[in-house]
PDB file of N, CA and C in Angstrom:
ATOM      1  N   MET A   1     135.529-120.043  61.323  1.00  0.00           N
ATOM      2  CA  MET A   1     136.616-119.864  62.258  1.00  0.00           C
ATOM      3  C   MET A   1     137.467-118.699  61.780  1.00  0.00           C
ATOM      4  N   PHE A   2     137.841-117.857  62.710  1.00  0.00           N
ATOM      5  CA  PHE A   2     138.613-116.655  62.397  1.00  0.00           C
ATOM      6  C   PHE A   2     140.097-116.994  62.392  1.00  0.00           C
ATOM      7  N   HIS A   3     140.791-116.716  61.322  1.00  0.00           N
ATOM      8  CA  HIS A   3     142.201-117.060  61.212  1.00  0.00           C
ATOM      9  C   HIS A   3     143.070-115.897  61.666  1.00  0.00           C
ATOM     10  N   LEU A   4     144.183-116.212  62.256  1.00  0.00           N
ATOM     11  CA  LEU A   4     145.113-115.212  62.755  1.00  0.00           C
ATOM     12  C   LEU A   4     145.706-114.397  61.613  1.00  0.00           C
ATOM     13  N   MET A   5     145.903-114.996  60.458  1.00  0.00           N
ATOM     14  CA  MET A   5     146.477-114.288  59.308  1.00  0.00           C
ATOM     15  C   MET A   5     145.540-113.185  58.820  1.00  0.00           C
ATOM     16  N   ARG A   6     144.260-113.464  58.831  1.00  0.00           N
ATOM     17  CA  ARG A   6     143.285-112.437  58.398  1.00  0.00           C
ATOM     18  C   ARG A   6     143.289-111.270  59.369  1.00  0.00           C
ATOM     19  N   ALA A   7     143.408-111.561  60.665  1.00  0.00           N
ATOM     20  CA  ALA A   7     143.447-110.490  61.661  1.00  0.00           C
ATOM     21  C   ALA A   7     144.689-109.633  61.476  1.00  0.00           C
ATOM     22  N   ALA A   8     145.833-110.224  61.174  1.00  0.00           N
ATOM     23  CA  ALA A   8     147.065-109.464  60.957  1.00  0.00           C
ATOM     24  C   ALA A   8     146.932-108.603  59.709  1.00  0.00           C
ATOM     25  N   GLY A   9     146.273-109.124  58.682  1.00  0.00           N
ATOM     26  CA  GLY A   9     146.076-108.352  57.462  1.00  0.00           C
ATOM     27  C   GLY A   9     145.187-107.136  57.693  1.00  0.00           C
ATOM     28  N   LEU A  10     144.225-107.245  58.580  1.00  0.00           N
ATOM     29  CA  LEU A  10     143.354-106.113  58.888  1.00  0.00           C
ATOM     30  C   LEU A  10     144.103-105.000  59.597  1.00  0.00           C
ATOM     31  N   LEU A  11     145.117-105.344  60.370  1.00  0.00           N
ATOM     32  CA  LEU A  11     145.898-104.330  61.061  1.00  0.00           C
ATOM     33  C   LEU A  11     146.818-103.579  60.111  1.00  0.00           C
ATOM     34  N   VAL A  12     147.283-104.239  59.067  1.00  0.00           N
ATOM     35  CA  VAL A  12     148.207-103.628  58.116  1.00  0.00           C
ATOM     36  C   VAL A  12     147.455-102.789  57.081  1.00  0.00           C
ATOM     37  N   LEU A  13     146.223-103.093  56.842  1.00  0.00           N
ATOM     38  CA  LEU A  13     145.463-102.431  55.787  1.00  0.00           C
ATOM     39  C   LEU A  13     145.384-100.915  55.959  1.00  0.00           C
ATOM     40  N   PRO A  14     145.044-100.346  57.118  1.00  0.00           N
ATOM     41  CA  PRO A  14     144.992 -98.883  57.221  1.00  0.00           C
ATOM     42  C   PRO A  14     146.332 -98.222  56.942  1.00  0.00           C
ATOM     43  N   ALA A  15     147.423 -98.822  57.373  1.00  0.00           N
ATOM     44  CA  ALA A  15     148.742 -98.247  57.118  1.00  0.00           C
ATOM     45  C   ALA A  15     149.063 -98.291  55.630  1.00  0.00           C
ATOM     46  N   ALA A  16     148.693 -99.354  54.946  1.00  0.00           N
ATOM     47  CA  ALA A  16     148.965 -99.472  53.511  1.00  0.00           C
ATOM     48  C   ALA A  16     148.144 -98.459  52.724  1.00  0.00           C
ATOM     49  N   LEU A  17     146.948 -98.167  53.183  1.00  0.00           N
ATOM     50  CA  LEU A  17     146.125 -97.181  52.477  1.00  0.00           C
ATOM     51  C   LEU A  17     146.636 -95.765  52.690  1.00  0.00           C
ATOM     52  N   ALA A  18     147.276 -95.485  53.807  1.00  0.00           N
ATOM     53  CA  ALA A  18     147.761 -94.141  54.092  1.00  0.00           C
ATOM     54  C   ALA A  18     149.067 -93.821  53.375  1.00  0.00           C
ATOM     55  N   LEU A  19     149.825 -94.820  52.940  1.00  0.00           N
ATOM     56  CA  LEU A  19     151.112 -94.578  52.296  1.00  0.00           C
ATOM     57  C   LEU A  19     151.007 -93.721  51.041  1.00  0.00           C
ATOM     58  N   PRO A  20     150.085 -93.961  50.116  1.00  0.00           N
ATOM     59  CA  PRO A  20     150.034 -93.108  48.926  1.00  0.00           C
ATOM     60  C   PRO A  20     149.742 -91.654  49.263  1.00  0.00           C
ATOM     61  N   LEU A  21     148.991 -91.401  50.310  1.00  0.00           N
ATOM     62  CA  LEU A  21     148.705 -90.019  50.694  1.00  0.00           C
ATOM     63  C   LEU A  21     149.942 -89.339  51.259  1.00  0.00           C
ATOM     64  N   ALA A  22     150.739 -90.061  52.032  1.00  0.00           N
ATOM     65  CA  ALA A  22     151.937 -89.488  52.639  1.00  0.00           C
ATOM     66  C   ALA A  22     153.041 -89.276  51.601  1.00  0.00           C
ATOM     67  N   ALA A  23     153.023 -90.008  50.515  1.00  0.00           N
ATOM     68  CA  ALA A  23     154.085 -89.923  49.512  1.00  0.00           C
ATOM     69  C   ALA A  23     153.871 -88.771  48.529  1.00  0.00           C
ATOM     70  N   GLN A  24     152.791 -88.012  48.639  1.00  0.00           N
ATOM     71  CA  GLN A  24     152.533 -86.911  47.717  1.00  0.00           C
ATOM     72  C   GLN A  24     153.543 -85.787  47.949  1.00  0.00           C
ATOM     73  N   PRO A  25     154.149 -85.242  46.897  1.00  0.00           N
ATOM     74  CA  PRO A  25     155.089 -84.134  47.085  1.00  0.00           C
ATOM     75  C   PRO A  25     154.333 -82.847  47.431  1.00  0.00           C
ATOM     76  N   ALA A  26     154.988 -81.962  48.130  1.00  0.00           N
ATOM     77  CA  ALA A  26     154.391 -80.672  48.480  1.00  0.00           C
ATOM     78  C   ALA A  26     154.311 -79.819  47.215  1.00  0.00           C
ATOM     79  N   PRO A  27     153.314 -78.966  47.088  1.00  0.00           N
ATOM     80  CA  PRO A  27     153.223 -78.101  45.907  1.00  0.00           C
ATOM     81  C   PRO A  27     154.419 -77.157  45.839  1.00  0.00           C
ATOM     82  N   ALA A  28     154.813 -76.805  44.604  1.00  0.00           N
ATOM     83  CA  ALA A  28     156.004 -75.979  44.399  1.00  0.00           C
ATOM     84  C   ALA A  28     155.822 -74.598  45.023  1.00  0.00           C
ATOM     85  N   SER A  29     154.705 -73.967  44.794  1.00  0.00           N
ATOM     86  CA  SER A  29     154.486 -72.645  45.377  1.00  0.00           C
ATOM     87  C   SER A  29     153.076 -72.599  45.956  1.00  0.00           C
ATOM     88  N   VAL A  30     152.998 -72.141  47.158  1.00  0.00           N
ATOM     89  CA  VAL A  30     151.705 -72.048  47.826  1.00  0.00           C
ATOM     90  C   VAL A  30     151.273 -70.596  47.820  1.00  0.00           C
ATOM     91  N   GLN A  31     150.121 -70.326  47.225  1.00  0.00           N
ATOM     92  CA  GLN A  31     149.605 -68.970  47.161  1.00  0.00           C
ATOM     93  C   GLN A  31     148.752 -68.709  48.408  1.00  0.00           C
ATOM     94  N   PRO A  32     148.920 -67.552  49.038  1.00  0.00           N
ATOM     95  CA  PRO A  32     148.064 -67.253  50.178  1.00  0.00           C
ATOM     96  C   PRO A  32     146.631 -67.041  49.690  1.00  0.00           C
ATOM     97  N   PRO A  33     145.671 -67.347  50.522  1.00  0.00           N
ATOM     98  CA  PRO A  33     144.284 -67.172  50.087  1.00  0.00           C
ATOM     99  C   PRO A  33     143.968 -65.694  49.869  1.00  0.00           C
ATOM    100  N   ALA A  34     143.078 -65.453  48.939  1.00  0.00           N
ATOM    101  CA  ALA A  34     142.674 -64.079  48.653  1.00  0.00           C
ATOM    102  C   ALA A  34     141.921 -63.524  49.856  1.00  0.00           C
ATOM    103  N   PRO A  35     142.080 -62.237  50.138  1.00  0.00           N
ATOM    104  CA  PRO A  35     141.367 -61.671  51.283  1.00  0.00           C
ATOM    105  C   PRO A  35     139.850 -61.730  51.056  1.00  0.00           C
ATOM    106  N   VAL A  36     139.143 -61.963  52.129  1.00  0.00           N
ATOM    107  CA  VAL A  36     137.691 -62.065  52.065  1.00  0.00           C
ATOM    108  C   VAL A  36     137.104 -60.719  52.446  1.00  0.00           C
ATOM    109  N   GLU A  37     136.207 -60.217  51.624  1.00  0.00           N
ATOM    110  CA  GLU A  37     135.577 -58.933  51.918  1.00  0.00           C
ATOM    111  C   GLU A  37     134.321 -59.171  52.750  1.00  0.00           C
ATOM    112  N   TYR A  38     134.232 -58.505  53.879  1.00  0.00           N
ATOM    113  CA  TYR A  38     133.082 -58.649  54.772  1.00  0.00           C
ATOM    114  C   TYR A  38     131.964 -57.735  54.309  1.00  0.00           C
ATOM    115  N   ARG A  39     130.762 -58.304  54.232  1.00  0.00           N
ATOM    116  CA  ARG A  39     129.574 -57.511  53.894  1.00  0.00           C
ATOM    117  C   ARG A  39     128.482 -57.916  54.867  1.00  0.00           C
ATOM    118  N   SER A  40     128.033 -56.982  55.662  1.00  0.00           N
ATOM    119  CA  SER A  40     127.029 -57.253  56.682  1.00  0.00           C
ATOM    120  C   SER A  40     125.691 -57.567  56.038  1.00  0.00           C
ATOM    121  N   ALA A  41     124.931 -58.412  56.684  1.00  0.00           N
ATOM    122  CA  ALA A  41     123.581 -58.722  56.216  1.00  0.00           C
ATOM    123  C   ALA A  41     122.662 -57.523  56.371  1.00  0.00           C
ATOM    124  N   PHE A  42     123.060 -56.572  57.192  1.00  0.00           N
ATOM    125  CA  PHE A  42     122.226 -55.400  57.428  1.00  0.00           C
ATOM    126  C   PHE A  42     122.575 -54.236  56.505  1.00  0.00           C
ATOM    127  N   THR A  43     123.470 -54.440  55.546  1.00  0.00           N
ATOM    128  CA  THR A  43     123.790 -53.394  54.587  1.00  0.00           C
ATOM    129  C   THR A  43     122.534 -53.067  53.779  1.00  0.00           C
ATOM    130  N   GLY A  44     122.180 -51.809  53.737  1.00  0.00           N
ATOM    131  CA  GLY A  44     121.001 -51.387  52.990  1.00  0.00           C
ATOM    132  C   GLY A  44     119.700 -51.539  53.755  1.00  0.00           C
ATOM    133  N   TYR A  45     119.773 -51.892  55.037  1.00  0.00           N
ATOM    134  CA  TYR A  45     118.549 -52.075  55.836  1.00  0.00           C
ATOM    135  C   TYR A  45     117.838 -50.742  56.015  1.00  0.00           C
ATOM    136  N   GLN A  46     116.532 -50.745  55.809  1.00  0.00           N
ATOM    137  CA  GLN A  46     115.712 -49.564  56.044  1.00  0.00           C
ATOM    138  C   GLN A  46     114.695 -49.922  57.122  1.00  0.00           C
ATOM    139  N   ALA A  47     114.734 -49.155  58.173  1.00  0.00           N
ATOM    140  CA  ALA A  47     113.834 -49.430  59.295  1.00  0.00           C
ATOM    141  C   ALA A  47     112.394 -49.158  58.879  1.00  0.00           C
ATOM    142  N   PHE A  48     111.480 -49.964  59.406  1.00  0.00           N
ATOM    143  CA  PHE A  48     110.062 -49.788  59.147  1.00  0.00           C
ATOM    144  C   PHE A  48     109.578 -48.659  60.035  1.00  0.00           C
ATOM    145  N   GLY A  49     109.039 -47.633  59.446  1.00  0.00           N
ATOM    146  CA  GLY A  49     108.598 -46.520  60.263  1.00  0.00           C
ATOM    147  C   GLY A  49     107.711 -45.554  59.513  1.00  0.00           C
ATOM    148  N   ASP A  50     107.236 -45.918  58.336  1.00  0.00           N
ATOM    149  CA  ASP A  50     106.398 -45.003  57.565  1.00  0.00           C
ATOM    150  C   ASP A  50     105.013 -44.860  58.176  1.00  0.00           C
ATOM    151  N   ASP A  51     104.464 -45.922  58.714  1.00  0.00           N
ATOM    152  CA  ASP A  51     103.120 -45.872  59.273  1.00  0.00           C
ATOM    153  C   ASP A  51     103.156 -45.364  60.699  1.00  0.00           C
ATOM    154  N   GLN A  52     102.218 -44.487  60.991  1.00  0.00           N
ATOM    155  CA  GLN A  52     102.087 -43.972  62.350  1.00  0.00           C
ATOM    156  C   GLN A  52     101.050 -44.813  63.079  1.00  0.00           C
ATOM    157  N   PRO A  53     101.240 -45.069  64.369  1.00  0.00           N
ATOM    158  CA  PRO A  53     100.248 -45.842  65.108  1.00  0.00           C
ATOM    159  C   PRO A  53      98.918 -45.103  65.165  1.00  0.00           C
ATOM    160  N   VAL A  54      97.825 -45.861  65.050  1.00  0.00           N
ATOM    161  CA  VAL A  54      96.489 -45.272  65.127  1.00  0.00           C
ATOM    162  C   VAL A  54      95.709 -46.011  66.209  1.00  0.00           C
ATOM    163  N   SER A  55      94.650 -45.396  66.650  1.00  0.00           N
ATOM    164  CA  SER A  55      93.842 -46.051  67.669  1.00  0.00           C
ATOM    165  C   SER A  55      93.080 -47.216  67.046  1.00  0.00           C
ATOM    166  N   TRP A  56      92.666 -48.157  67.869  1.00  0.00           N
ATOM    167  CA  TRP A  56      91.957 -49.328  67.360  1.00  0.00           C
ATOM    168  C   TRP A  56      90.650 -48.935  66.701  1.00  0.00           C
ATOM    169  N   LYS A  57      90.006 -47.866  67.193  1.00  0.00           N
ATOM    170  CA  LYS A  57      88.746 -47.426  66.592  1.00  0.00           C
ATOM    171  C   LYS A  57      88.977 -46.913  65.172  1.00  0.00           C
ATOM    172  N   GLU A  58      90.044 -46.126  64.988  1.00  0.00           N
ATOM    173  CA  GLU A  58      90.362 -45.629  63.646  1.00  0.00           C
ATOM    174  C   GLU A  58      90.703 -46.791  62.707  1.00  0.00           C
ATOM    175  N   ALA A  59      91.437 -47.777  63.194  1.00  0.00           N
ATOM    176  CA  ALA A  59      91.803 -48.930  62.367  1.00  0.00           C
ATOM    177  C   ALA A  59      90.555 -49.713  61.967  1.00  0.00           C
ATOM    178  N   ASN A  60      89.638 -49.933  62.918  1.00  0.00           N
ATOM    179  CA  ASN A  60      88.398 -50.650  62.600  1.00  0.00           C
ATOM    180  C   ASN A  60      87.551 -49.883  61.603  1.00  0.00           C
ATOM    181  N   ASP A  61      87.474 -48.559  61.747  1.00  0.00           N
ATOM    182  CA  ASP A  61      86.704 -47.739  60.803  1.00  0.00           C
ATOM    183  C   ASP A  61      87.308 -47.815  59.404  1.00  0.00           C
ATOM    184  N   ALA A  62      88.640 -47.806  59.312  1.00  0.00           N
ATOM    185  CA  ALA A  62      89.298 -47.891  58.002  1.00  0.00           C
ATOM    186  C   ALA A  62      89.005 -49.234  57.341  1.00  0.00           C
ATOM    187  N   VAL A  63      89.016 -50.318  58.101  1.00  0.00           N
ATOM    188  CA  VAL A  63      88.711 -51.641  57.549  1.00  0.00           C
ATOM    189  C   VAL A  63      87.261 -51.687  57.089  1.00  0.00           C
ATOM    190  N   ARG A  64      86.364 -51.129  57.863  1.00  0.00           N
ATOM    191  CA  ARG A  64      84.950 -51.123  57.482  1.00  0.00           C
ATOM    192  C   ARG A  64      84.756 -50.339  56.178  1.00  0.00           C
ATOM    193  N   GLU A  65      85.482 -49.228  56.005  1.00  0.00           N
ATOM    194  CA  GLU A  65      85.338 -48.403  54.804  1.00  0.00           C
ATOM    195  C   GLU A  65      85.814 -49.125  53.542  1.00  0.00           C
ATOM    196  N   ILE A  66      86.828 -49.964  53.655  1.00  0.00           N
ATOM    197  CA  ILE A  66      87.323 -50.641  52.444  1.00  0.00           C
ATOM    198  C   ILE A  66      86.564 -51.919  52.146  1.00  0.00           C
ATOM    199  N   GLY A  67      85.669 -52.343  53.036  1.00  0.00           N
ATOM    200  CA  GLY A  67      84.861 -53.512  52.735  1.00  0.00           C
ATOM    201  C   GLY A  67      85.008 -54.640  53.737  1.00  0.00           C
ATOM    202  N   GLY A  68      85.680 -54.397  54.842  1.00  0.00           N
ATOM    203  CA  GLY A  68      85.786 -55.404  55.887  1.00  0.00           C
ATOM    204  C   GLY A  68      86.687 -56.566  55.488  1.00  0.00           C
ATOM    205  N   TRP A  69      86.443 -57.696  56.106  1.00  0.00           N
ATOM    206  CA  TRP A  69      87.296 -58.862  55.885  1.00  0.00           C
ATOM    207  C   TRP A  69      87.208 -59.379  54.466  1.00  0.00           C
ATOM    208  N   ARG A  70      86.089 -59.104  53.781  1.00  0.00           N
ATOM    209  CA  ARG A  70      85.947 -59.582  52.397  1.00  0.00           C
ATOM    210  C   ARG A  70      86.976 -58.929  51.470  1.00  0.00           C
ATOM    211  N   ALA A  71      87.299 -57.668  51.737  1.00  0.00           N
ATOM    212  CA  ALA A  71      88.311 -56.985  50.925  1.00  0.00           C
ATOM    213  C   ALA A  71      89.667 -57.664  51.093  1.00  0.00           C
ATOM    214  N   TYR A  72      89.993 -58.048  52.311  1.00  0.00           N
ATOM    215  CA  TYR A  72      91.256 -58.743  52.542  1.00  0.00           C
ATOM    216  C   TYR A  72      91.240 -60.131  51.909  1.00  0.00           C
ATOM    217  N   ALA A  73      90.084 -60.796  51.932  1.00  0.00           N
ATOM    218  CA  ALA A  73      89.981 -62.120  51.315  1.00  0.00           C
ATOM    219  C   ALA A  73      90.172 -62.022  49.801  1.00  0.00           C
ATOM    220  N   LYS A  74      89.574 -61.008  49.174  1.00  0.00           N
ATOM    221  CA  LYS A  74      89.757 -60.817  47.731  1.00  0.00           C
ATOM    222  C   LYS A  74      91.213 -60.518  47.413  1.00  0.00           C
ATOM    223  N   GLU A  75      91.839 -59.721  48.255  1.00  0.00           N
ATOM    224  CA  GLU A  75      93.241 -59.375  48.050  1.00  0.00           C
ATOM    225  C   GLU A  75      94.122 -60.622  48.150  1.00  0.00           C
ATOM    226  N   ALA A  76      93.809 -61.488  49.090  1.00  0.00           N
ATOM    227  CA  ALA A  76      94.590 -62.712  49.247  1.00  0.00           C
ATOM    228  C   ALA A  76      94.392 -63.657  48.068  1.00  0.00           C
ATOM    229  N   GLN A  77      93.207 -63.655  47.454  1.00  0.00           N
ATOM    230  CA  GLN A  77      92.919 -64.556  46.343  1.00  0.00           C
ATOM    231  C   GLN A  77      93.425 -64.026  45.009  1.00  0.00           C
ATOM    232  N   ALA A  78      93.780 -62.755  44.930  1.00  0.00           N
ATOM    233  CA  ALA A  78      94.250 -62.177  43.673  1.00  0.00           C
ATOM    234  C   ALA A  78      95.509 -62.899  43.213  1.00  0.00           C
ATOM    235  N   GLY A  79      95.477 -63.416  42.004  1.00  0.00           N
ATOM    236  CA  GLY A  79      96.637 -64.104  41.454  1.00  0.00           C
ATOM    237  C   GLY A  79      96.756 -65.547  41.893  1.00  0.00           C
ATOM    238  N   GLN A  80      95.843 -66.026  42.673  1.00  0.00           N
ATOM    239  CA  GLN A  80      95.888 -67.415  43.122  1.00  0.00           C
ATOM    240  C   GLN A  80      95.189 -68.303  42.093  1.00  0.00           C
ATOM    241  N   PRO A  81      95.640 -69.522  41.894  1.00  0.00           N
ATOM    242  CA  PRO A  81      94.947 -70.421  40.974  1.00  0.00           C
ATOM    243  C   PRO A  81      93.567 -70.774  41.527  1.00  0.00           C
ATOM    244  N   ALA A  82      92.699 -71.206  40.634  1.00  0.00           N
ATOM    245  CA  ALA A  82      91.350 -71.587  41.051  1.00  0.00           C
ATOM    246  C   ALA A  82      91.417 -72.714  42.060  1.00  0.00           C
ATOM    247  N   ALA A  83      90.473 -72.694  42.959  1.00  0.00           N
ATOM    248  CA  ALA A  83      90.456 -73.707  44.020  1.00  0.00           C
ATOM    249  C   ALA A  83      90.199 -75.083  43.411  1.00  0.00           C
ATOM    250  N   GLN A  84      90.954 -76.045  43.860  1.00  0.00           N
ATOM    251  CA  GLN A  84      90.776 -77.420  43.415  1.00  0.00           C
ATOM    252  C   GLN A  84      89.774 -78.100  44.337  1.00  0.00           C
ATOM    253  N   PRO A  85      88.990 -79.046  43.816  1.00  0.00           N
ATOM    254  CA  PRO A  85      88.077 -79.744  44.716  1.00  0.00           C
ATOM    255  C   PRO A  85      88.865 -80.492  45.784  1.00  0.00           C
ATOM    256  N   ALA A  86      88.299 -80.537  46.951  1.00  0.00           N
ATOM    257  CA  ALA A  86      88.968 -81.205  48.064  1.00  0.00           C
ATOM    258  C   ALA A  86      89.072 -82.697  47.779  1.00  0.00           C
ATOM    259  N   PRO A  87      90.204 -83.307  48.084  1.00  0.00           N
ATOM    260  CA  PRO A  87      90.330 -84.742  47.851  1.00  0.00           C
ATOM    261  C   PRO A  87      89.410 -85.502  48.800  1.00  0.00           C
ATOM    262  N   THR A  88      88.970 -86.644  48.336  1.00  0.00           N
ATOM    263  CA  THR A  88      88.112 -87.482  49.156  1.00  0.00           C
ATOM    264  C   THR A  88      88.953 -88.062  50.286  1.00  0.00           C
ATOM    265  N   PRO A  89      88.533 -87.857  51.524  1.00  0.00           N
ATOM    266  CA  PRO A  89      89.356 -88.378  52.618  1.00  0.00           C
ATOM    267  C   PRO A  89      89.334 -89.900  52.646  1.00  0.00           C
ATOM    268  N   THR A  90      90.473 -90.456  52.972  1.00  0.00           N
ATOM    269  CA  THR A  90      90.539 -91.911  53.089  1.00  0.00           C
ATOM    270  C   THR A  90      90.054 -92.287  54.485  1.00  0.00           C
ATOM    271  N   PRO A  91      89.271 -93.336  54.576  1.00  0.00           N
ATOM    272  CA  PRO A  91      88.768 -93.704  55.904  1.00  0.00           C
ATOM    273  C   PRO A  91      89.914 -94.157  56.793  1.00  0.00           C
ATOM    274  N   THR A  92      89.842 -93.739  58.040  1.00  0.00           N
ATOM    275  CA  THR A  92      90.871 -94.157  58.984  1.00  0.00           C
ATOM    276  C   THR A  92      90.455 -95.482  59.602  1.00  0.00           C
ATOM    277  N   PRO A  93      91.395 -96.378  59.790  1.00  0.00           N
ATOM    278  CA  PRO A  93      91.036 -97.677  60.366  1.00  0.00           C
ATOM    279  C   PRO A  93      90.576 -97.497  61.813  1.00  0.00           C
ATOM    280  N   THR A  94      89.642 -98.318  62.207  1.00  0.00           N
ATOM    281  CA  THR A  94      89.145 -98.290  63.573  1.00  0.00           C
ATOM    282  C   THR A  94      90.208 -98.898  64.474  1.00  0.00           C
ATOM    283  N   PRO A  95      90.564 -98.192  65.555  1.00  0.00           N
ATOM    284  CA  PRO A  95      91.607 -98.745  66.413  1.00  0.00           C
ATOM    285  C   PRO A  95      91.114-100.001  67.127  1.00  0.00           C
ATOM    286  N   ALA A  96      92.045-100.875  67.408  1.00  0.00           N
ATOM    287  CA  ALA A  96      91.716-102.108  68.110  1.00  0.00           C
ATOM    288  C   ALA A  96      91.295-101.770  69.538  1.00  0.00           C
ATOM    289  N   PRO A  97      90.378-102.524  70.103  1.00  0.00           N
ATOM    290  CA  PRO A  97      89.976-102.228  71.480  1.00  0.00           C
ATOM    291  C   PRO A  97      91.145-102.430  72.433  1.00  0.00           C
ATOM    292  N   ALA A  98      91.140-101.637  73.476  1.00  0.00           N
ATOM    293  CA  ALA A  98      92.215-101.729  74.455  1.00  0.00           C
ATOM    294  C   ALA A  98      92.137-103.081  75.164  1.00  0.00           C
ATOM    295  N   PRO A  99      93.284-103.668  75.472  1.00  0.00           N
ATOM    296  CA  PRO A  99      93.256-104.954  76.167  1.00  0.00           C
ATOM    297  C   PRO A  99      92.685-104.773  77.576  1.00  0.00           C
ATOM    298  N   ALA A 100      92.095-105.832  78.081  1.00  0.00           N
ATOM    299  CA  ALA A 100      91.529-105.791  79.422  1.00  0.00           C
ATOM    300  C   ALA A 100      92.644-105.546  80.425  1.00  0.00           C
ATOM    301  N   ASP A 101      92.323-104.842  81.494  1.00  0.00           N
ATOM    302  CA  ASP A 101      93.306-104.526  82.523  1.00  0.00           C
ATOM    303  C   ASP A 101      93.667-105.797  83.287  1.00  0.00           C
ATOM    304  N   PRO A 102      94.930-106.226  83.199  1.00  0.00           N
ATOM    305  CA  PRO A 102      95.295-107.478  83.902  1.00  0.00           C
ATOM    306  C   PRO A 102      95.330-107.295  85.414  1.00  0.00           C
ATOM    307  N   HIS A 103      95.287-106.064  85.894  1.00  0.00           N
ATOM    308  CA  HIS A 103      95.342-105.816  87.335  1.00  0.00           C
ATOM    309  C   HIS A 103      93.979-105.381  87.880  1.00  0.00           C
ATOM    310  N   ALA A 104      92.933-105.610  87.128  1.00  0.00           N
ATOM    311  CA  ALA A 104      91.611-105.107  87.521  1.00  0.00           C
ATOM    312  C   ALA A 104      91.123-105.680  88.833  1.00  0.00           C
ATOM    313  N   GLY A 105      91.388-106.930  89.157  1.00  0.00           N
ATOM    314  CA  GLY A 105      90.853-107.547  90.375  1.00  0.00           C
ATOM    315  C   GLY A 105      91.790-107.471  91.563  1.00  0.00           C
ATOM    316  N   HIS A 106      92.955-106.906  91.401  1.00  0.00           N
ATOM    317  CA  HIS A 106      93.930-106.881  92.491  1.00  0.00           C
ATOM    318  C   HIS A 106      93.481-105.920  93.595  1.00  0.00           C
ATOM    319  N   GLY A 107      93.742-106.291  94.802  1.00  0.00           N
ATOM    320  CA  GLY A 107      93.479-105.420  95.926  1.00  0.00           C
ATOM    321  C   GLY A 107      92.074-105.532  96.472  1.00  0.00           C
ATOM    322  N   LYS A 108      91.214-106.291  95.845  1.00  0.00           N
ATOM    323  CA  LYS A 108      89.846-106.431  96.316  1.00  0.00           C
ATOM    324  C   LYS A 108      89.775-107.713  97.129  1.00  0.00           C
ATOM    325  N   HIS A 109      89.253-107.622  98.342  1.00  0.00           N
ATOM    326  CA  HIS A 109      89.159-108.810  99.207  1.00  0.00           C
ATOM    327  C   HIS A 109      87.737-109.107  99.525  1.00  0.00           C
TER     328      HIS A 109
END
């Protein structure tokens, strides 16, 4: 059973907790915040523009000359740790069969 005295105490509790915060004296001297220096994220940005566009035929010929896709694969593997054996996959549980359609016979006369 909920007592009226407990309910009255719950109403007074927030006010009692706020009193110590309100009783704090103001600081003797308030210093203004130091000015903030703005620095753009684009400071020092250098636009990409060293490479000139080439035709697709020239690009394909250049790739063929350096060794094709294998050269890129070797480049990607440089500095990479040795390949770890693939973990054994855990078998997935077989899903339960779908329940029979409870409306399968409706509408047939």
